[in-house]
Amino acid sequence: MRELVVLGTASQVPTRHRNHNGYLLRWDDEVILFDPGEGTQRQMLLAGLPVTPLKRICITHFHGDHSLGLPGILQRISLDRVPHPVTVHYPAGGQAFFDRLRHATSYWDNAEIVPGPVGAGFAVETSAGRLTALPLRHSIETYGYRLVEPDARRMLPELLARHGISGPAVGELQRTGRFGDVTLEQVSTVRTGQRFAFVMDTGLCDSVYALAEGVDMLVIESTFLAEDAAMAEQVGHLTAGQAAAVARASGVRKLVLTHFSQRYQDAERFLDEARKEFDGPIVIAEDLLRVPLPARRPAP
């Protein structure tokens, strides 16, 4: 299963209808929690999500609405005796903040938490693909994340049968790229890898476009509307129109807007503004919403 579970969508402070940030990406066996703000543990309970499958946690920056839920999640990992290591990625310059959140209160620390500081050139291979990060433009050190699944090949049974290949010979063909005179390319087609990007608190910069380039799903902040564009620029945030323009320019397939300022009461205004810039699928994130990744792109 590949889906995004939205746990919280508010910026700066929670509201009666929106919790602090929190986003859980389920990508087959790789389960990644992004930006656990205050209350994330409870939101996971309401969404029916245990902490046990978590493989890693990615924090974009150490503002409270993106990280104050980390202590509760880490303590719950210990309480539930999660049997595997859980890696936490965070801006390397925020090491002091991570250390404080890691041991914010007294508890029986029964978890294997692996620090994974993020800096220039960060990249790590996961079971879902390569996870990379790029610096964003905000008031403190901030990174966006990008997950890229490598392309693979899908075997075509009718072509295998035409060449008389079956059983163990199929496995050999996949491993070596050839079985006798038959090459892998003759009996298979490209299975395009899927791509995901997570972009929070930032003004427009080159990294926003680089992270979003060609992704199947872009989760991106749209704190403000165009009427407050000057304020967005001043404090390092995006408007809904800017986020949608990034999606259009970058060839994004599905756009998920989130991180809404409490100053706006009608979320449909974000959709109206974004629709002027992007004609693909747009999701206005709501707490506890589940958003499936689009189906794979057709083979080239």
Protein backbone atom coordinates (compact mmCIF):
# COMPACT_ATOMS: atom_id res chain seq x y z
CA MET A 1 0.00 0.00 0.00
CA ARG A 2 1.26 3.46 -0.87
CA GLU A 3 -0.56 6.37 0.70
CA LEU A 4 -0.14 9.54 2.69
CA VAL A 5 -2.02 9.75 5.99
CA VAL A 6 -2.48 13.37 7.05
CA LEU A 7 -2.28 13.76 10.83
CA GLY A 8 -2.24 17.54 11.16
CA THR A 9 -2.49 20.55 8.86
CA ALA A 10 -2.21 23.72 10.96
CA SER A 11 0.63 26.22 10.84
CA GLN A 12 2.15 27.71 14.00
CA VAL A 13 -0.75 26.89 16.35
CA PRO A 14 -3.42 24.18 16.30
CA THR A 15 -7.06 25.14 15.83
CA ARG A 16 -10.32 23.47 16.78
CA HIS A 17 -10.29 21.67 13.44
CA ARG A 18 -6.60 21.33 12.61
CA ASN A 19 -3.87 19.69 14.66
CA HIS A 20 -0.22 20.65 14.48
CA ASN A 21 1.63 19.12 11.52
CA GLY A 22 2.10 15.40 11.06
CA TYR A 23 2.24 13.25 7.91
CA LEU A 24 2.76 9.51 7.65
CA LEU A 25 3.87 8.00 4.35
CA ARG A 26 3.14 4.31 3.88
CA TRP A 27 5.28 3.01 1.02
CA ASP A 28 4.96 -0.77 1.12
CA ASP A 29 7.24 -1.84 4.01
CA GLU A 30 8.84 1.60 4.42
CA VAL A 31 6.80 3.76 6.81
CA ILE A 32 8.04 7.33 7.29
CA LEU A 33 6.68 9.94 9.68
CA PHE A 34 7.27 13.53 8.61
CA ASP A 35 7.28 16.55 10.96
CA PRO A 36 5.54 15.22 14.08
CA GLY A 37 4.07 18.32 15.71
CA GLU A 38 2.41 18.43 19.10
CA GLY A 39 -0.40 15.86 19.40
CA THR A 40 0.89 13.53 16.69
CA GLN A 41 0.74 10.47 18.94
CA ARG A 42 -2.98 11.01 19.54
CA GLN A 43 -3.65 11.70 15.86
CA MET A 44 -2.00 8.39 14.98
CA LEU A 45 -4.32 6.68 17.47
CA LEU A 46 -7.36 8.31 15.87
CA ALA A 47 -6.12 7.25 12.43
CA GLY A 48 -5.58 3.67 13.59
CA LEU A 49 -1.83 3.84 13.03
CA PRO A 50 0.54 2.07 15.46
CA VAL A 51 4.13 3.21 15.84
CA THR A 52 5.51 -0.30 15.37
CA PRO A 53 5.85 -0.14 11.55
CA LEU A 54 7.76 3.16 11.65
CA LYS A 55 11.18 2.87 10.00
CA ARG A 56 12.23 6.51 10.05
CA ILE A 57 11.16 10.00 11.06
CA CYS A 58 12.00 13.05 8.95
CA ILE A 59 12.01 16.52 10.49
CA THR A 60 12.28 19.51 8.18
CA HIS A 61 13.21 22.03 10.91
CA PHE A 62 12.98 22.62 14.63
CA HIS A 63 10.02 24.96 14.91
CA GLY A 64 7.58 23.56 17.43
CA ASP A 65 4.69 22.93 15.06
CA HIS A 66 6.96 20.51 13.19
CA SER A 67 8.80 18.79 16.03
CA LEU A 68 7.17 19.07 19.47
CA GLY A 69 5.46 15.71 19.00
CA LEU A 70 8.79 13.91 18.63
CA PRO A 71 9.31 13.14 22.36
CA GLY A 72 5.92 11.44 22.62
CA ILE A 73 6.50 9.37 19.51
CA LEU A 74 9.95 8.25 20.68
CA GLN A 75 8.64 7.33 24.11
CA ARG A 76 5.77 5.39 22.53
CA ILE A 77 8.29 3.49 20.39
CA SER A 78 9.98 2.45 23.63
CA LEU A 79 6.71 1.60 25.36
CA ASP A 80 5.59 -0.59 22.48
CA ARG A 81 9.01 -2.26 22.23
CA VAL A 82 9.44 -1.64 18.53
CA PRO A 83 11.86 -4.43 17.57
CA HIS A 84 13.82 -2.65 14.82
CA PRO A 85 15.92 0.52 14.69
CA VAL A 86 14.11 3.77 13.91
CA THR A 87 16.18 6.45 12.20
CA VAL A 88 15.45 10.13 12.82
CA HIS A 89 16.59 12.61 10.18
CA TYR A 90 16.85 16.31 11.10
CA PRO A 91 18.92 19.37 10.19
CA ALA A 92 22.45 18.81 11.45
CA GLY A 93 22.63 22.35 12.78
CA GLY A 94 19.75 21.57 15.12
CA GLN A 95 21.58 18.81 17.00
CA ALA A 96 21.02 20.55 20.35
CA PHE A 97 17.26 20.63 19.73
CA PHE A 98 17.22 16.96 18.79
CA ASP A 99 19.16 16.03 21.92
CA ARG A 100 16.67 17.88 24.11
CA LEU A 101 13.64 16.34 22.41
CA ARG A 102 15.21 12.88 22.45
CA HIS A 103 15.38 12.95 26.25
CA ALA A 104 12.75 15.57 27.07
CA THR A 105 11.42 13.64 30.10
CA SER A 106 12.26 10.62 32.22
CA TYR A 107 11.20 7.26 30.79
CA TRP A 108 12.47 3.74 30.32
CA ASP A 109 14.38 4.07 27.06
CA ASN A 110 13.89 0.72 25.39
CA ALA A 111 14.25 1.79 21.76
CA GLU A 112 17.04 1.80 19.22
CA ILE A 113 16.81 5.33 17.89
CA VAL A 114 19.42 6.10 15.24
CA PRO A 115 20.29 9.78 14.72
CA GLY A 116 20.52 10.70 11.05
CA PRO A 117 21.60 14.35 10.74
CA VAL A 118 20.92 15.98 7.39
CA GLY A 119 23.40 18.28 5.69
CA ALA A 120 24.88 19.06 2.30
CA GLY A 121 24.80 16.08 -0.06
CA PHE A 122 22.52 14.03 2.19
CA ALA A 123 21.28 10.79 0.63
CA VAL A 124 20.33 7.43 2.08
CA GLU A 125 19.05 4.23 0.50
CA THR A 126 15.80 2.89 1.95
CA SER A 127 13.63 -0.08 1.08
CA ALA A 128 11.45 2.37 -0.88
CA GLY A 129 14.27 4.04 -2.80
CA ARG A 130 16.73 6.87 -2.36
CA LEU A 131 15.84 9.54 0.20
CA THR A 132 17.54 12.89 -0.36
CA ALA A 133 17.20 16.37 1.13
CA LEU A 134 17.84 19.93 0.01
CA PRO A 135 18.05 23.16 2.04
CA LEU A 136 15.06 25.48 1.91
CA ARG A 137 14.65 29.21 2.59
CA HIS A 138 13.22 29.83 6.04
CA SER A 139 14.10 31.66 9.24
CA ILE A 140 16.08 28.68 10.58
CA GLU A 141 17.88 25.75 8.98
CA THR A 142 15.25 23.81 7.05
CA TYR A 143 15.33 20.89 4.60
CA GLY A 144 12.83 19.40 2.20
CA TYR A 145 12.83 15.68 1.43
CA ARG A 146 12.53 13.70 -1.80
CA LEU A 147 12.01 9.94 -2.18
CA VAL A 148 12.78 8.30 -5.54
CA GLU A 149 12.08 4.65 -6.30
CA PRO A 150 14.47 3.26 -8.92
CA ASP A 151 13.06 2.13 -12.25
CA ALA A 152 12.72 -1.63 -12.64
CA ARG A 153 11.47 -4.03 -15.28
CA ARG A 154 8.15 -5.86 -15.47
CA MET A 155 8.25 -9.28 -17.08
CA LEU A 156 5.71 -9.87 -19.87
CA PRO A 157 4.33 -13.45 -19.68
CA GLU A 158 3.28 -13.59 -23.33
CA LEU A 159 6.79 -12.71 -24.51
CA LEU A 160 8.38 -15.15 -22.06
CA ALA A 161 6.12 -17.88 -23.43
CA ARG A 162 6.96 -16.93 -27.02
CA HIS A 163 10.65 -17.47 -26.25
CA GLY A 164 10.00 -20.67 -24.27
CA ILE A 165 11.27 -19.24 -20.98
CA SER A 166 9.66 -20.41 -17.73
CA GLY A 167 10.43 -21.55 -14.20
CA PRO A 168 13.98 -20.98 -12.87
CA ALA A 169 15.05 -19.57 -16.24
CA VAL A 170 12.95 -16.46 -15.54
CA GLY A 171 14.90 -15.81 -12.35
CA GLU A 172 18.21 -16.25 -14.13
CA LEU A 173 17.10 -13.84 -16.84
CA GLN A 174 16.18 -11.25 -14.20
CA ARG A 175 19.48 -11.68 -12.35
CA THR A 176 21.87 -11.71 -15.30
CA GLY A 177 19.93 -9.85 -18.00
CA ARG A 178 20.20 -12.73 -20.45
CA PHE A 179 19.10 -16.35 -20.90
CA GLY A 180 20.70 -17.94 -23.90
CA ASP A 181 20.12 -15.61 -26.83
CA VAL A 182 17.21 -13.79 -25.12
CA THR A 183 17.87 -10.50 -23.36
CA LEU A 184 15.85 -9.02 -20.53
CA GLU A 185 14.78 -6.10 -22.73
CA GLN A 186 13.16 -8.50 -25.21
CA VAL A 187 10.70 -9.96 -22.70
CA SER A 188 10.03 -7.09 -20.30
CA THR A 189 9.06 -3.45 -20.12
CA VAL A 190 10.19 -0.58 -17.91
CA ARG A 191 8.33 -0.22 -14.62
CA THR A 192 8.76 3.46 -13.84
CA GLY A 193 9.71 4.19 -10.25
CA GLN A 194 7.44 6.45 -8.22
CA ARG A 195 8.55 9.72 -6.62
CA PHE A 196 7.42 11.73 -3.61
CA ALA A 197 8.44 15.13 -2.24
CA PHE A 198 7.77 16.84 1.08
CA VAL A 199 8.30 20.61 1.22
CA MET A 200 7.45 22.61 4.32
CA ASP A 201 8.19 26.13 5.61
CA THR A 202 10.02 27.92 2.82
CA GLY A 203 9.97 30.84 0.47
CA LEU A 204 10.44 30.22 -3.22
CA CYS A 205 13.94 28.99 -4.05
CA ASP A 206 15.66 26.64 -6.49
CA SER A 207 15.48 23.74 -4.04
CA VAL A 208 11.68 23.82 -4.02
CA TYR A 209 11.63 23.16 -7.77
CA ALA A 210 14.40 20.55 -7.57
CA LEU A 211 12.57 18.60 -4.88
CA ALA A 212 9.27 18.73 -6.77
CA GLU A 213 10.66 17.84 -10.20
CA GLY A 214 8.59 15.07 -11.78
CA VAL A 215 7.15 13.66 -8.54
CA ASP A 216 3.96 11.64 -8.40
CA MET A 217 2.91 13.41 -5.21
CA LEU A 218 4.06 16.76 -3.84
CA VAL A 219 3.12 17.62 -0.25
CA ILE A 220 3.81 21.31 0.11
CA GLU A 221 3.01 24.13 2.46
CA SER A 222 0.59 26.85 1.36
CA THR A 223 0.44 28.91 4.52
CA PHE A 224 -0.91 32.07 2.92
CA LEU A 225 -3.18 33.31 0.14
CA ALA A 226 -2.03 35.75 -2.53
CA GLU A 227 -3.55 38.69 -0.66
CA ASP A 228 -0.83 38.18 1.96
CA ALA A 229 2.03 37.43 -0.44
CA ALA A 230 4.19 40.20 1.03
CA MET A 231 3.92 38.66 4.48
CA ALA A 232 4.68 35.21 3.07
CA GLU A 233 7.85 36.55 1.46
CA GLN A 234 8.91 38.26 4.68
CA VAL A 235 8.56 35.21 6.91
CA GLY A 236 9.68 32.52 4.44
CA HIS A 237 6.44 30.85 3.41
CA LEU A 238 4.46 30.11 0.25
CA THR A 239 1.04 31.10 -0.99
CA ALA A 240 -1.34 28.54 -2.47
CA GLY A 241 -0.80 30.06 -5.90
CA GLN A 242 2.98 29.84 -5.60
CA ALA A 243 2.82 26.20 -4.47
CA ALA A 244 0.54 25.34 -7.39
CA ALA A 245 2.80 27.17 -9.85
CA VAL A 246 5.72 25.07 -8.60
CA ALA A 247 3.66 21.94 -9.23
CA ARG A 248 2.85 23.06 -12.78
CA ALA A 249 6.43 24.01 -13.63
CA SER A 250 7.82 20.80 -12.12
CA GLY A 251 5.47 18.32 -13.79
CA VAL A 252 3.87 17.14 -10.53
CA ARG A 253 1.09 14.58 -10.91
CA LYS A 254 -0.82 15.12 -7.62
CA LEU A 255 -0.58 18.22 -5.43
CA VAL A 256 -1.33 18.14 -1.70
CA LEU A 257 -1.61 21.57 -0.06
CA THR A 258 -1.29 21.89 3.71
CA HIS A 259 0.08 24.00 6.62
CA PHE A 260 -2.71 26.57 6.55
CA SER A 261 -2.65 29.78 8.55
CA GLN A 262 -5.43 30.09 11.11
CA ARG A 263 -6.27 33.54 9.71
CA TYR A 264 -8.30 31.94 6.91
CA GLN A 265 -11.63 30.36 7.75
CA ASP A 266 -12.56 28.96 4.33
CA ALA A 267 -10.16 26.30 3.02
CA GLU A 268 -11.85 26.37 -0.40
CA ARG A 269 -10.09 29.66 -1.05
CA PHE A 270 -6.78 27.75 -1.19
CA LEU A 271 -8.24 25.43 -3.82
CA ASP A 272 -9.65 28.33 -5.85
CA GLU A 273 -6.26 30.07 -5.87
CA ALA A 274 -4.28 26.93 -6.66
CA ARG A 275 -6.61 25.90 -9.50
CA LYS A 276 -5.65 29.02 -11.43
CA GLU A 277 -2.07 27.71 -11.63
CA PHE A 278 -2.37 23.92 -11.74
CA ASP A 279 -4.90 21.80 -13.60
CA GLY A 280 -3.92 18.42 -12.14
CA PRO A 281 -5.42 16.75 -9.07
CA ILE A 282 -5.28 19.03 -6.00
CA VAL A 283 -5.94 17.87 -2.44
CA ILE A 284 -6.66 20.40 0.29
CA ALA A 285 -5.36 18.45 3.26
CA GLU A 286 -7.61 17.80 6.24
CA ASP A 287 -6.70 16.04 9.46
CA LEU A 288 -6.94 12.22 9.22
CA LEU A 289 -7.36 12.28 5.45
CA ARG A 290 -5.80 9.41 3.48
CA VAL A 291 -4.39 10.28 0.08
CA PRO A 292 -3.31 7.41 -2.21
CA LEU A 293 -0.31 7.82 -4.48
CA PRO A 294 -1.30 7.96 -8.13
CA ALA A 295 -0.99 4.79 -10.16
CA ARG A 296 2.36 4.30 -11.82
CA ARG A 297 3.14 6.27 -14.93
CA PRO A 298 2.75 4.21 -18.11
CA ALA A 299 5.94 2.70 -19.44
CA PRO A 300 7.84 4.95 -21.85
